[in-house]
Amino acid sequence: LYVGKLPFASSLVQQLAWAQALKKTRHPVLKRVFVQYPEQVDDPRWLELGALLQRQHLELTEHQLDFAAVAEQGQKLEGFSDTDRWRALAEIQRTYLDVLHELQLWDRQTARNFAVEHGECRFDGHLTLLGTVDLSQTLRAMIGQLRCEVTALVVSEASEGRYFDDIGCVDPDNWQTRLLGVEDHQIL
């Protein structure tokens, strides 16, 4: 739905880039994130920590967020005390993206959010969606920018259309009031 300006880094390259970003990060910043971290540059535990941050990054980008946004939004919440930690994570995330940039690669998830933010999502033709019951906010935003005809195919009775939105995702509010006809003895 958008044209990437650079090739996308594979999952493995992303994990390695996260590990490299951690190794490049100053110790005071690392201490705000991790209680313990490897001292030696060649320690394989850097990869484990990189994979941990990679998973968190993936989850947040699905909601059109990054670590800096969490720090910013968290400050608005009463009792939120992790601002320094999230700012440190944001610094590591910036270094991660710089590592990929040096390799002339893009992080796919960050590129999607960039495309949404800059109105770059396009599609010529008719887009048919199938199995889209739980799309991320990023994919929803990408589809929302399209000016083409979009059809969502949902396997359901036509009378149950109100339980799904325009792009075939479950509408949680309507499901809250629906009786499913499942007896207690059928639930394990």
Protein backbone atom coordinates (compact mmCIF):
# COMPACT_ATOMS: atom_id res chain seq x y z
CA LEU A 1 0.00 0.00 0.00
CA TYR A 2 3.08 2.23 -0.09
CA VAL A 3 6.44 2.22 -1.83
CA GLY A 4 9.39 1.69 0.49
CA LYS A 5 12.23 4.09 -0.08
CA LEU A 6 14.79 1.49 0.99
CA PRO A 7 14.77 -2.32 1.16
CA PHE A 8 13.28 -3.73 4.37
CA ALA A 9 15.47 -5.41 6.96
CA SER A 10 14.63 -9.05 7.64
CA SER A 11 13.61 -10.09 11.13
CA LEU A 12 17.10 -11.47 11.80
CA VAL A 13 18.78 -8.28 10.61
CA GLN A 14 16.41 -6.28 12.81
CA GLN A 15 17.36 -8.39 15.84
CA LEU A 16 21.06 -7.94 15.08
CA ALA A 17 20.53 -4.20 14.65
CA TRP A 18 18.81 -4.00 18.03
CA ALA A 19 21.75 -5.82 19.61
CA GLN A 20 24.18 -3.44 17.88
CA ALA A 21 22.17 -0.44 19.07
CA LEU A 22 22.38 -1.71 22.63
CA LYS A 23 26.15 -2.17 22.36
CA LYS A 24 26.48 1.43 21.10
CA THR A 25 24.38 2.83 23.95
CA ARG A 26 26.11 4.60 26.83
CA HIS A 27 26.10 2.71 30.14
CA PRO A 28 24.05 5.32 32.08
CA VAL A 29 21.28 4.95 29.50
CA LEU A 30 21.41 1.15 29.62
CA LYS A 31 21.16 1.27 33.43
CA ARG A 32 17.84 3.12 33.16
CA VAL A 33 16.44 0.17 31.17
CA PHE A 34 18.14 -2.98 32.44
CA VAL A 35 19.12 -4.08 35.92
CA GLN A 36 21.85 -6.22 34.37
CA TYR A 37 23.32 -6.29 30.90
CA PRO A 38 26.41 -7.89 29.38
CA GLU A 39 29.75 -6.22 29.91
CA GLN A 40 31.53 -7.86 26.96
CA VAL A 41 30.75 -6.74 23.40
CA ASP A 42 30.78 -10.34 22.09
CA ASP A 43 28.39 -11.68 24.76
CA PRO A 44 25.46 -13.49 23.05
CA ARG A 45 23.05 -12.09 25.64
CA TRP A 46 23.04 -8.84 23.64
CA LEU A 47 21.01 -10.75 21.04
CA GLU A 48 18.50 -11.80 23.70
CA LEU A 49 18.09 -8.22 24.88
CA GLY A 50 17.81 -7.11 21.26
CA ALA A 51 15.05 -9.65 20.65
CA LEU A 52 13.22 -8.38 23.74
CA LEU A 53 13.28 -4.80 22.48
CA GLN A 54 12.38 -5.95 18.98
CA ARG A 55 9.20 -7.60 20.29
CA GLN A 56 8.24 -4.50 22.26
CA HIS A 57 8.93 -2.33 19.22
CA LEU A 58 6.71 -4.55 17.05
CA GLU A 59 3.85 -4.40 19.52
CA LEU A 60 4.00 -0.63 19.87
CA THR A 61 4.32 0.10 16.15
CA GLU A 62 1.14 -1.89 15.53
CA HIS A 63 -0.57 0.83 17.58
CA GLN A 64 1.27 3.64 15.76
CA LEU A 65 3.51 4.27 18.75
CA ASP A 66 7.21 4.32 19.44
CA PHE A 67 9.14 4.43 22.71
CA ALA A 68 9.24 8.25 22.73
CA ALA A 69 5.44 8.39 22.40
CA VAL A 70 5.06 6.10 25.41
CA ALA A 71 7.30 8.41 27.45
CA GLU A 72 5.30 11.43 26.36
CA GLN A 73 1.87 9.88 26.89
CA GLY A 74 2.92 8.29 30.17
CA GLN A 75 3.65 11.68 31.68
CA LYS A 76 -0.04 12.49 31.34
CA LEU A 77 -1.00 9.51 33.52
CA GLU A 78 -1.26 9.87 37.25
CA GLY A 79 1.32 7.73 39.02
CA PHE A 80 3.36 6.98 35.88
CA SER A 81 6.95 6.72 37.05
CA ASP A 82 8.74 5.17 34.07
CA THR A 83 9.37 8.30 31.98
CA ASP A 84 13.17 8.06 32.31
CA ARG A 85 13.11 4.40 31.31
CA TRP A 86 10.99 5.08 28.22
CA ARG A 87 13.20 8.02 27.24
CA ALA A 88 16.21 5.73 27.47
CA LEU A 89 14.38 3.17 25.34
CA ALA A 90 13.60 5.93 22.83
CA GLU A 91 17.31 6.75 22.61
CA ILE A 92 18.11 3.07 21.98
CA GLN A 93 15.34 2.91 19.38
CA ARG A 94 16.79 5.95 17.58
CA THR A 95 20.19 4.24 17.54
CA TYR A 96 18.55 1.06 16.17
CA LEU A 97 17.01 3.02 13.30
CA ASP A 98 20.36 4.72 12.68
CA VAL A 99 22.06 1.29 12.48
CA LEU A 100 19.57 0.21 9.83
CA HIS A 101 19.97 3.51 7.99
CA GLU A 102 23.74 2.97 7.85
CA LEU A 103 22.99 -0.39 6.20
CA GLN A 104 20.59 1.37 3.80
CA LEU A 105 17.68 -0.65 5.17
CA TRP A 106 14.31 0.27 6.63
CA ASP A 107 12.46 -1.15 9.56
CA ARG A 108 9.19 -2.34 8.01
CA GLN A 109 6.99 -1.32 10.94
CA THR A 110 8.50 2.15 11.24
CA ALA A 111 8.19 2.58 7.47
CA ARG A 112 4.47 1.75 7.65
CA ASN A 113 3.90 4.39 10.31
CA PHE A 114 5.98 6.89 8.32
CA ALA A 115 3.83 6.18 5.25
CA VAL A 116 0.65 6.76 7.27
CA GLU A 117 1.99 9.93 8.88
CA HIS A 118 2.96 11.36 5.49
CA GLY A 119 -0.16 10.24 3.59
CA GLU A 120 1.79 7.93 1.29
CA CYS A 121 -0.61 4.96 1.20
CA ARG A 122 -2.02 4.37 -2.27
CA PHE A 123 -3.64 1.57 -4.21
CA ASP A 124 -4.97 1.54 -7.74
CA GLY A 125 -7.79 -0.87 -8.32
CA HIS A 126 -10.18 -2.74 -6.09
CA LEU A 127 -8.87 -4.00 -2.74
CA THR A 128 -10.53 -7.11 -1.30
CA LEU A 129 -9.91 -7.95 2.35
CA LEU A 130 -10.36 -11.41 3.81
CA GLY A 131 -9.71 -12.57 7.37
CA THR A 132 -9.24 -9.09 8.76
CA VAL A 133 -11.08 -9.58 12.05
CA ASP A 134 -8.29 -8.02 14.14
CA LEU A 135 -6.12 -5.58 12.15
CA SER A 136 -3.57 -3.37 13.88
CA GLN A 137 -4.19 0.36 14.13
CA THR A 138 -1.38 0.92 11.65
CA LEU A 139 -2.96 -1.31 8.99
CA ARG A 140 -6.35 0.28 9.66
CA ALA A 141 -4.82 3.72 9.12
CA MET A 142 -3.13 2.55 5.91
CA ILE A 143 -6.40 1.22 4.52
CA GLY A 144 -8.17 4.38 5.68
CA GLN A 145 -5.93 6.50 3.43
CA LEU A 146 -6.86 4.60 0.29
CA ARG A 147 -9.11 6.24 -2.26
CA CYS A 148 -9.99 3.00 -4.02
CA GLU A 149 -12.92 0.65 -3.60
CA VAL A 150 -12.38 -1.64 -0.61
CA THR A 151 -14.47 -4.76 -0.02
CA ALA A 152 -14.21 -6.76 3.18
CA LEU A 153 -15.30 -10.38 2.94
CA VAL A 154 -16.59 -11.79 6.23
CA VAL A 155 -17.69 -15.38 6.73
CA SER A 156 -20.95 -14.72 8.54
CA GLU A 157 -24.66 -14.48 8.04
CA ALA A 158 -25.67 -11.21 6.39
CA SER A 159 -27.87 -10.46 9.40
CA GLU A 160 -24.72 -10.37 11.58
CA GLY A 161 -23.11 -7.55 9.61
CA ARG A 162 -23.43 -5.14 12.53
CA TYR A 163 -20.87 -7.24 14.44
CA PHE A 164 -18.13 -6.20 11.99
CA ASP A 165 -16.84 -2.81 10.84
CA ASP A 166 -16.32 -1.52 7.30
CA ILE A 167 -13.02 -3.37 6.84
CA GLY A 168 -14.20 -6.70 8.28
CA CYS A 169 -12.82 -6.31 11.79
CA VAL A 170 -14.79 -7.39 14.83
CA ASP A 171 -16.81 -4.55 16.36
CA PRO A 172 -16.25 -5.23 20.08
CA ASP A 173 -19.09 -2.98 21.27
CA ASN A 174 -21.71 -4.93 19.35
CA TRP A 175 -20.27 -8.29 20.41
CA GLN A 176 -20.61 -7.24 24.07
CA THR A 177 -24.39 -7.42 23.80
CA ARG A 178 -24.64 -10.55 21.64
CA LEU A 179 -25.82 -13.78 23.18
CA LEU A 180 -23.68 -16.59 21.82
CA GLY A 181 -25.85 -19.54 22.80
CA VAL A 182 -22.97 -21.34 24.50
CA GLU A 183 -24.04 -23.19 27.61
CA ASP A 184 -21.86 -23.13 30.75
CA HIS A 185 -21.23 -26.87 30.50
CA GLN A 186 -19.70 -26.35 27.04
CA ILE A 187 -16.99 -24.05 28.37
CA LEU A 188 -13.74 -25.63 29.46
